[in-house]
Amino acid sequence: MNNKKKTLIFYLLIIAFLVYIVFFDSYSFFKLYNLKKSYKRLYTDLAKQREENERLRKENEELRTNNKLLEREARKLGMQKKGEEVFIFKEESPKKKP
């Protein structure tokens, strides 16, 4: 009988220890899982940002070397050359017939 109690206590201690490790330890499986998930998300975001940076570098280089493209983009921003007049035409909405 004494041996059975010791075995039971031993198994209960092992189960309690495993529960502590899984749920309450600072490196619990749940925390590690969440950290891995965050790492994957951040790594994906980083890859997207690197692609965007590369696209912007190419666009920047193209604007530095292609004057026509630079002028077209400047005009989209409302810029004009010295001494040049810019006319902006507004489209009228069609009038409704009564």
Foldseek 3Di string as FASTA:
>chain_A
DVVVVVVVVVVVVVVVVLCCQQPPDPPHPVVVVVVVVVVVVVVVVVVVVVVVVVVVVVVVVCCVVPVVVVVVVVVVVVDDDPPDDDDDDDDDDDDDDD
